[in-house]
Amino acid sequence: MWPFSDGKTSAVRNRVFQLINETCSGMLTKTEGRRVDSRITRVVVGMIIPIENRQLQVDKAFTAVSRDFSSGGVAMLLNQQPRGPEQAILGFRLSGAMTFFRAETRHIEPIEGGFYQIGFQLFEVVSPRDYPGLESLSL
């Protein structure tokens, strides 16, 4: 038996539901307007490799956690203010191997607790052969 009463259980349950409702990506459309694509909440570790002056910056690669995906984009969460690459290669582990996408930043937003959200539009799947240095990266 749980060490708290039904009243406390109901209060906990109500607050958790409130937290879910206020942070649900589906609820954001009510405040931010209609989105082009629907979002699917999915938390996975990804890698962001900036592209600066048309050069892949493998030494500046860092990891982040996804918040949600659409058919052509992803929102990533960072625990520090991002360097804000306009262009990047995003890497995710898929079926045991790394998959890379060429992406462009669409928005950078501060969120609670010192975290930041970066929205990326994904343009194409790229091969490590197209970008020297990618083959050495893994999660």
N, C-alpha and C. Protein backbone atom coordinates (compact mmCIF):
# COMPACT_ATOMS: atom_id res chain seq x y z
N MET A 1 0.83 -1.19 0.00
CA MET A 1 0.00 0.00 0.00
C MET A 1 0.88 1.25 0.00
N TRP A 2 0.46 2.25 -0.74
CA TRP A 2 1.22 3.49 -0.84
C TRP A 2 1.16 4.27 0.46
N PRO A 3 2.22 4.98 0.80
CA PRO A 3 2.28 5.67 2.08
C PRO A 3 1.53 7.02 2.11
N PHE A 4 0.65 7.28 1.17
CA PHE A 4 -0.12 8.51 1.22
C PHE A 4 -1.57 8.23 0.89
N SER A 5 -2.42 9.14 1.29
CA SER A 5 -3.86 8.92 1.15
C SER A 5 -4.33 9.14 -0.27
N ASP A 6 -5.61 8.76 -0.52
CA ASP A 6 -6.19 8.96 -1.84
C ASP A 6 -6.22 10.43 -2.24
N GLY A 7 -6.40 11.32 -1.28
CA GLY A 7 -6.39 12.76 -1.58
C GLY A 7 -5.05 13.21 -2.12
N LYS A 8 -3.98 12.71 -1.54
CA LYS A 8 -2.63 13.06 -2.01
C LYS A 8 -2.37 12.43 -3.37
N THR A 9 -2.86 11.21 -3.56
CA THR A 9 -2.69 10.54 -4.85
C THR A 9 -3.40 11.33 -5.95
N SER A 10 -4.60 11.79 -5.66
CA SER A 10 -5.36 12.58 -6.65
C SER A 10 -4.64 13.89 -6.96
N ALA A 11 -4.06 14.53 -5.95
CA ALA A 11 -3.35 15.79 -6.17
C ALA A 11 -2.12 15.56 -7.04
N VAL A 12 -1.39 14.47 -6.77
CA VAL A 12 -0.22 14.14 -7.59
C VAL A 12 -0.66 13.88 -9.03
N ARG A 13 -1.67 13.05 -9.19
CA ARG A 13 -2.17 12.70 -10.51
C ARG A 13 -2.63 13.94 -11.28
N ASN A 14 -3.35 14.84 -10.61
CA ASN A 14 -3.82 16.07 -11.26
C ASN A 14 -2.67 16.95 -11.71
N ARG A 15 -1.63 17.08 -10.87
CA ARG A 15 -0.48 17.92 -11.25
C ARG A 15 0.29 17.30 -12.42
N VAL A 16 0.43 15.98 -12.41
CA VAL A 16 1.13 15.32 -13.52
C VAL A 16 0.35 15.52 -14.82
N PHE A 17 -0.97 15.35 -14.78
CA PHE A 17 -1.78 15.59 -15.97
C PHE A 17 -1.67 17.03 -16.43
N GLN A 18 -1.64 17.97 -15.48
CA GLN A 18 -1.49 19.38 -15.83
C GLN A 18 -0.14 19.62 -16.52
N LEU A 19 0.92 19.01 -15.97
CA LEU A 19 2.25 19.14 -16.58
C LEU A 19 2.25 18.57 -17.99
N ILE A 20 1.64 17.43 -18.18
CA ILE A 20 1.57 16.82 -19.51
C ILE A 20 0.79 17.71 -20.47
N ASN A 21 -0.35 18.20 -20.04
CA ASN A 21 -1.18 19.04 -20.90
C ASN A 21 -0.49 20.34 -21.29
N GLU A 22 0.25 20.93 -20.36
CA GLU A 22 0.91 22.21 -20.64
C GLU A 22 2.16 22.05 -21.49
N THR A 23 2.75 20.86 -21.50
CA THR A 23 3.99 20.67 -22.24
C THR A 23 3.83 19.76 -23.45
N CYS A 24 2.63 19.29 -23.69
CA CYS A 24 2.37 18.40 -24.82
C CYS A 24 2.53 19.17 -26.13
N SER A 25 3.31 18.62 -27.06
CA SER A 25 3.54 19.32 -28.32
C SER A 25 2.25 19.53 -29.09
N GLY A 26 1.26 18.67 -28.91
CA GLY A 26 -0.03 18.84 -29.56
C GLY A 26 -0.77 20.07 -29.05
N MET A 27 -0.52 20.44 -27.81
CA MET A 27 -1.17 21.61 -27.24
C MET A 27 -0.54 22.90 -27.77
N LEU A 28 0.70 22.83 -28.24
CA LEU A 28 1.38 24.03 -28.73
C LEU A 28 0.68 24.63 -29.95
N THR A 29 0.03 23.82 -30.74
CA THR A 29 -0.64 24.34 -31.93
C THR A 29 -1.75 25.30 -31.55
N LYS A 30 -2.31 25.14 -30.36
CA LYS A 30 -3.38 26.04 -29.92
C LYS A 30 -2.84 27.43 -29.62
N THR A 31 -1.57 27.53 -29.21
CA THR A 31 -1.00 28.83 -28.86
C THR A 31 -0.09 29.39 -29.95
N GLU A 32 0.54 28.52 -30.74
CA GLU A 32 1.49 28.98 -31.74
C GLU A 32 0.91 29.02 -33.15
N GLY A 33 -0.31 28.60 -33.32
CA GLY A 33 -0.89 28.57 -34.66
C GLY A 33 -0.71 27.20 -35.28
N ARG A 34 -1.28 27.04 -36.43
CA ARG A 34 -1.27 25.74 -37.13
C ARG A 34 0.12 25.44 -37.67
N ARG A 35 0.58 24.24 -37.45
CA ARG A 35 1.87 23.80 -37.98
C ARG A 35 1.66 23.12 -39.32
N VAL A 36 2.68 23.16 -40.14
CA VAL A 36 2.61 22.51 -41.44
C VAL A 36 2.54 21.00 -41.28
N ASP A 37 3.40 20.44 -40.43
CA ASP A 37 3.44 19.00 -40.18
C ASP A 37 3.11 18.74 -38.72
N SER A 38 2.51 17.59 -38.45
CA SER A 38 2.28 17.21 -37.07
C SER A 38 3.61 16.73 -36.46
N ARG A 39 3.68 16.72 -35.16
CA ARG A 39 4.88 16.33 -34.45
C ARG A 39 4.64 15.03 -33.71
N ILE A 40 5.72 14.25 -33.60
CA ILE A 40 5.70 13.03 -32.80
C ILE A 40 6.78 13.20 -31.74
N THR A 41 6.37 13.14 -30.49
CA THR A 41 7.33 13.25 -29.40
C THR A 41 8.17 11.99 -29.36
N ARG A 42 9.46 12.16 -29.44
CA ARG A 42 10.38 11.03 -29.41
C ARG A 42 11.71 11.54 -28.87
N VAL A 43 12.16 10.96 -27.77
CA VAL A 43 13.40 11.39 -27.15
C VAL A 43 14.50 10.41 -27.51
N VAL A 44 15.46 10.88 -28.30
CA VAL A 44 16.63 10.09 -28.66
C VAL A 44 17.85 11.00 -28.62
N VAL A 45 18.99 10.40 -28.40
CA VAL A 45 20.24 11.16 -28.43
C VAL A 45 20.65 11.36 -29.88
N GLY A 46 21.06 12.57 -30.20
CA GLY A 46 21.54 12.87 -31.54
C GLY A 46 22.82 13.67 -31.46
N MET A 47 23.48 13.78 -32.58
CA MET A 47 24.72 14.54 -32.67
C MET A 47 24.52 15.71 -33.63
N ILE A 48 25.03 16.87 -33.26
CA ILE A 48 24.97 18.05 -34.10
C ILE A 48 26.39 18.41 -34.49
N ILE A 49 26.65 18.42 -35.79
CA ILE A 49 27.97 18.75 -36.31
C ILE A 49 27.82 20.03 -37.13
N PRO A 50 28.32 21.15 -36.63
CA PRO A 50 28.15 22.42 -37.35
C PRO A 50 28.88 22.44 -38.70
N ILE A 51 28.31 23.20 -39.62
CA ILE A 51 28.97 23.50 -40.89
C ILE A 51 29.22 25.00 -40.89
N GLU A 52 30.48 25.39 -41.00
CA GLU A 52 30.86 26.80 -41.04
C GLU A 52 31.69 27.05 -42.28
N ASN A 53 31.33 28.08 -43.03
CA ASN A 53 32.03 28.40 -44.28
C ASN A 53 32.14 27.18 -45.20
N ARG A 54 31.03 26.44 -45.27
CA ARG A 54 30.92 25.25 -46.12
C ARG A 54 31.84 24.11 -45.71
N GLN A 55 32.37 24.18 -44.48
CA GLN A 55 33.26 23.14 -43.98
C GLN A 55 32.65 22.49 -42.75
N LEU A 56 32.65 21.16 -42.74
CA LEU A 56 32.15 20.41 -41.60
C LEU A 56 33.11 20.61 -40.43
N GLN A 57 32.60 20.96 -39.27
CA GLN A 57 33.42 21.21 -38.09
C GLN A 57 33.31 20.03 -37.12
N VAL A 58 33.96 18.93 -37.49
CA VAL A 58 33.87 17.70 -36.70
C VAL A 58 34.36 17.93 -35.27
N ASP A 59 35.37 18.77 -35.10
CA ASP A 59 35.92 19.03 -33.77
C ASP A 59 34.94 19.83 -32.89
N LYS A 60 33.89 20.40 -33.47
CA LYS A 60 32.89 21.15 -32.71
C LYS A 60 31.58 20.37 -32.56
N ALA A 61 31.59 19.08 -32.90
CA ALA A 61 30.39 18.25 -32.78
C ALA A 61 29.99 18.12 -31.31
N PHE A 62 28.69 18.08 -31.06
CA PHE A 62 28.19 17.90 -29.70
C PHE A 62 26.89 17.11 -29.74
N THR A 63 26.54 16.54 -28.61
CA THR A 63 25.32 15.74 -28.53
C THR A 63 24.18 16.56 -27.93
N ALA A 64 22.98 16.17 -28.27
CA ALA A 64 21.77 16.79 -27.75
C ALA A 64 20.69 15.72 -27.73
N VAL A 65 19.57 16.05 -27.13
CA VAL A 65 18.44 15.13 -27.03
C VAL A 65 17.29 15.70 -27.84
N SER A 66 16.62 14.84 -28.60
CA SER A 66 15.48 15.31 -29.39
C SER A 66 14.28 15.54 -28.49
N ARG A 67 13.43 16.44 -28.93
CA ARG A 67 12.15 16.67 -28.25
C ARG A 67 11.02 16.05 -29.07
N ASP A 68 11.03 16.40 -30.37
CA ASP A 68 10.01 15.83 -31.25
C ASP A 68 10.50 15.86 -32.69
N PHE A 69 9.81 15.07 -33.51
CA PHE A 69 10.13 14.96 -34.93
C PHE A 69 8.88 15.24 -35.75
N SER A 70 9.09 15.78 -36.93
CA SER A 70 8.05 15.87 -37.96
C SER A 70 8.60 15.15 -39.17
N SER A 71 7.84 15.12 -40.25
CA SER A 71 8.33 14.42 -41.45
C SER A 71 9.54 15.12 -42.06
N GLY A 72 9.76 16.37 -41.74
CA GLY A 72 10.89 17.08 -42.33
C GLY A 72 11.70 17.90 -41.35
N GLY A 73 11.58 17.59 -40.06
CA GLY A 73 12.33 18.37 -39.09
C GLY A 73 12.42 17.71 -37.73
N VAL A 74 13.21 18.33 -36.87
CA VAL A 74 13.41 17.83 -35.52
C VAL A 74 13.70 19.01 -34.59
N ALA A 75 13.20 18.93 -33.37
CA ALA A 75 13.54 19.89 -32.33
C ALA A 75 14.50 19.19 -31.37
N MET A 76 15.64 19.82 -31.11
CA MET A 76 16.65 19.27 -30.23
C MET A 76 16.78 20.14 -28.98
N LEU A 77 17.03 19.51 -27.83
CA LEU A 77 17.18 20.21 -26.56
C LEU A 77 18.64 20.20 -26.13
N LEU A 78 19.11 21.36 -25.67
CA LEU A 78 20.49 21.51 -25.21
C LEU A 78 20.48 22.08 -23.81
N ASN A 79 21.50 21.74 -23.02
CA ASN A 79 21.60 22.26 -21.67
C ASN A 79 22.53 23.47 -21.57
N GLN A 80 22.84 24.07 -22.69
CA GLN A 80 23.67 25.27 -22.73
C GLN A 80 23.22 26.13 -23.90
N GLN A 81 23.57 27.41 -23.86
CA GLN A 81 23.19 28.26 -24.98
C GLN A 81 23.91 27.77 -26.23
N PRO A 82 23.14 27.49 -27.27
CA PRO A 82 23.76 26.91 -28.47
C PRO A 82 24.61 27.92 -29.22
N ARG A 83 25.56 27.38 -29.93
CA ARG A 83 26.40 28.21 -30.79
C ARG A 83 25.60 28.63 -32.02
N GLY A 84 24.49 27.96 -32.23
CA GLY A 84 23.56 28.34 -33.28
C GLY A 84 24.06 28.19 -34.70
N PRO A 85 24.49 26.99 -35.07
CA PRO A 85 24.91 26.83 -36.47
C PRO A 85 23.71 27.03 -37.39
N GLU A 86 23.91 27.79 -38.46
CA GLU A 86 22.84 27.94 -39.43
C GLU A 86 22.66 26.66 -40.22
N GLN A 87 23.77 25.99 -40.49
CA GLN A 87 23.73 24.71 -41.18
C GLN A 87 24.48 23.69 -40.33
N ALA A 88 24.01 22.45 -40.40
CA ALA A 88 24.65 21.40 -39.62
C ALA A 88 24.33 20.05 -40.24
N ILE A 89 25.09 19.07 -39.83
CA ILE A 89 24.76 17.67 -40.10
C ILE A 89 24.29 17.10 -38.77
N LEU A 90 23.12 16.46 -38.79
CA LEU A 90 22.60 15.82 -37.59
C LEU A 90 22.77 14.31 -37.74
N GLY A 91 23.24 13.68 -36.70
CA GLY A 91 23.46 12.23 -36.73
C GLY A 91 22.62 11.53 -35.68
N PHE A 92 22.01 10.43 -36.08
CA PHE A 92 21.22 9.60 -35.17
C PHE A 92 21.57 8.14 -35.43
N ARG A 93 21.49 7.33 -34.38
CA ARG A 93 21.71 5.89 -34.55
C ARG A 93 20.39 5.27 -35.00
N LEU A 94 20.44 4.58 -36.12
CA LEU A 94 19.26 3.95 -36.69
C LEU A 94 19.63 2.54 -37.13
N SER A 95 18.92 1.57 -36.61
CA SER A 95 19.18 0.16 -36.93
C SER A 95 20.65 -0.21 -36.73
N GLY A 96 21.24 0.28 -35.66
CA GLY A 96 22.61 -0.07 -35.32
C GLY A 96 23.70 0.70 -36.03
N ALA A 97 23.34 1.62 -36.91
CA ALA A 97 24.34 2.39 -37.64
C ALA A 97 23.97 3.87 -37.60
N MET A 98 24.95 4.71 -37.84
CA MET A 98 24.69 6.15 -37.85
C MET A 98 24.02 6.56 -39.16
N THR A 99 23.02 7.42 -39.06
CA THR A 99 22.35 8.03 -40.21
C THR A 99 22.53 9.53 -40.06
N PHE A 100 22.91 10.19 -41.14
CA PHE A 100 23.20 11.63 -41.10
C PHE A 100 22.26 12.39 -42.03
N PHE A 101 21.86 13.58 -41.57
CA PHE A 101 20.98 14.47 -42.34
C PHE A 101 21.62 15.84 -42.46
N ARG A 102 21.49 16.45 -43.63
CA ARG A 102 21.87 17.86 -43.77
C ARG A 102 20.68 18.67 -43.29
N ALA A 103 20.95 19.65 -42.43
CA ALA A 103 19.88 20.40 -41.79
C ALA A 103 20.22 21.88 -41.70
N GLU A 104 19.18 22.70 -41.56
CA GLU A 104 19.33 24.13 -41.32
C GLU A 104 18.51 24.53 -40.11
N THR A 105 19.07 25.43 -39.32
CA THR A 105 18.37 25.93 -38.14
C THR A 105 17.20 26.80 -38.56
N ARG A 106 16.04 26.57 -37.95
CA ARG A 106 14.85 27.39 -38.20
C ARG A 106 14.53 28.27 -37.02
N HIS A 107 14.84 27.82 -35.81
CA HIS A 107 14.62 28.67 -34.63
C HIS A 107 15.47 28.17 -33.47
N ILE A 108 15.81 29.10 -32.59
CA ILE A 108 16.50 28.80 -31.33
C ILE A 108 15.72 29.52 -30.25
N GLU A 109 15.26 28.78 -29.25
CA GLU A 109 14.44 29.36 -28.20
C GLU A 109 14.92 28.94 -26.82
N PRO A 110 15.07 29.90 -25.91
CA PRO A 110 15.34 29.51 -24.52
C PRO A 110 14.08 28.91 -23.91
N ILE A 111 14.25 27.87 -23.11
CA ILE A 111 13.12 27.29 -22.38
C ILE A 111 13.52 27.23 -20.91
N GLU A 112 12.67 26.73 -20.07
CA GLU A 112 12.91 26.74 -18.63
C GLU A 112 14.20 26.03 -18.22
N GLY A 113 14.72 26.45 -17.07
CA GLY A 113 15.84 25.75 -16.45
C GLY A 113 17.17 25.92 -17.14
N GLY A 114 17.31 26.91 -18.00
CA GLY A 114 18.56 27.12 -18.71
C GLY A 114 18.74 26.25 -19.93
N PHE A 115 17.69 25.57 -20.35
CA PHE A 115 17.75 24.75 -21.55
C PHE A 115 17.35 25.56 -22.78
N TYR A 116 17.75 25.07 -23.94
CA TYR A 116 17.42 25.70 -25.21
C TYR A 116 16.87 24.66 -26.17
N GLN A 117 15.98 25.10 -27.03
CA GLN A 117 15.44 24.24 -28.08
C GLN A 117 15.88 24.80 -29.42
N ILE A 118 16.43 23.92 -30.27
CA ILE A 118 16.80 24.30 -31.63
C ILE A 118 15.91 23.51 -32.57
N GLY A 119 15.22 24.22 -33.45
CA GLY A 119 14.41 23.57 -34.46
C GLY A 119 15.19 23.48 -35.76
N PHE A 120 15.32 22.29 -36.30
CA PHE A 120 16.04 22.06 -37.55
C PHE A 120 15.08 21.58 -38.63
N GLN A 121 15.27 22.07 -39.83
CA GLN A 121 14.61 21.51 -41.00
C GLN A 121 15.61 20.56 -41.64
N LEU A 122 15.16 19.34 -41.95
CA LEU A 122 16.02 18.32 -42.55
C LEU A 122 15.84 18.34 -44.07
N PHE A 123 16.95 18.39 -44.80
CA PHE A 123 16.88 18.50 -46.25
C PHE A 123 17.22 17.23 -47.01
N GLU A 124 18.20 16.48 -46.51
CA GLU A 124 18.58 15.27 -47.22
C GLU A 124 19.36 14.34 -46.32
N VAL A 125 19.32 13.06 -46.64
CA VAL A 125 20.17 12.07 -45.99
C VAL A 125 21.52 12.15 -46.70
N VAL A 126 22.59 12.21 -45.91
CA VAL A 126 23.92 12.32 -46.52
C VAL A 126 24.76 11.11 -46.14
N SER A 127 25.69 10.80 -47.01
CA SER A 127 26.61 9.69 -46.79
C SER A 127 27.89 10.22 -46.13
N PRO A 128 28.48 9.44 -45.24
CA PRO A 128 29.77 9.85 -44.68
C PRO A 128 30.83 10.07 -45.75
N ARG A 129 30.67 9.44 -46.90
CA ARG A 129 31.63 9.66 -48.01
C ARG A 129 31.56 11.10 -48.54
N ASP A 130 30.38 11.74 -48.38
CA ASP A 130 30.22 13.10 -48.88
C ASP A 130 30.83 14.15 -47.96
N TYR A 131 31.04 13.79 -46.71
CA TYR A 131 31.57 14.72 -45.71
C TYR A 131 32.68 14.03 -44.93
N PRO A 132 33.94 14.25 -45.34
CA PRO A 132 35.06 13.63 -44.63
C PRO A 132 35.00 13.95 -43.14
N GLY A 133 35.19 12.94 -42.33
CA GLY A 133 35.15 13.09 -40.89
C GLY A 133 33.93 12.47 -40.25
N LEU A 134 32.84 12.35 -41.02
CA LEU A 134 31.62 11.75 -40.47
C LEU A 134 31.81 10.28 -40.10
N GLU A 135 32.61 9.59 -40.90
CA GLU A 135 32.75 8.14 -40.67
C GLU A 135 33.37 7.84 -39.30
N SER A 136 34.06 8.82 -38.72
CA SER A 136 34.68 8.60 -37.41
C SER A 136 33.73 8.89 -36.25
N LEU A 137 32.54 9.42 -36.53
CA LEU A 137 31.60 9.80 -35.46
C LEU A 137 30.59 8.70 -35.19
N SER A 138 30.31 8.53 -33.89
CA SER A 138 29.33 7.52 -33.49
C SER A 138 28.74 7.90 -32.15
N LEU A 139 27.58 7.36 -31.89
CA LEU A 139 26.92 7.56 -30.59
C LEU A 139 26.95 6.26 -29.82
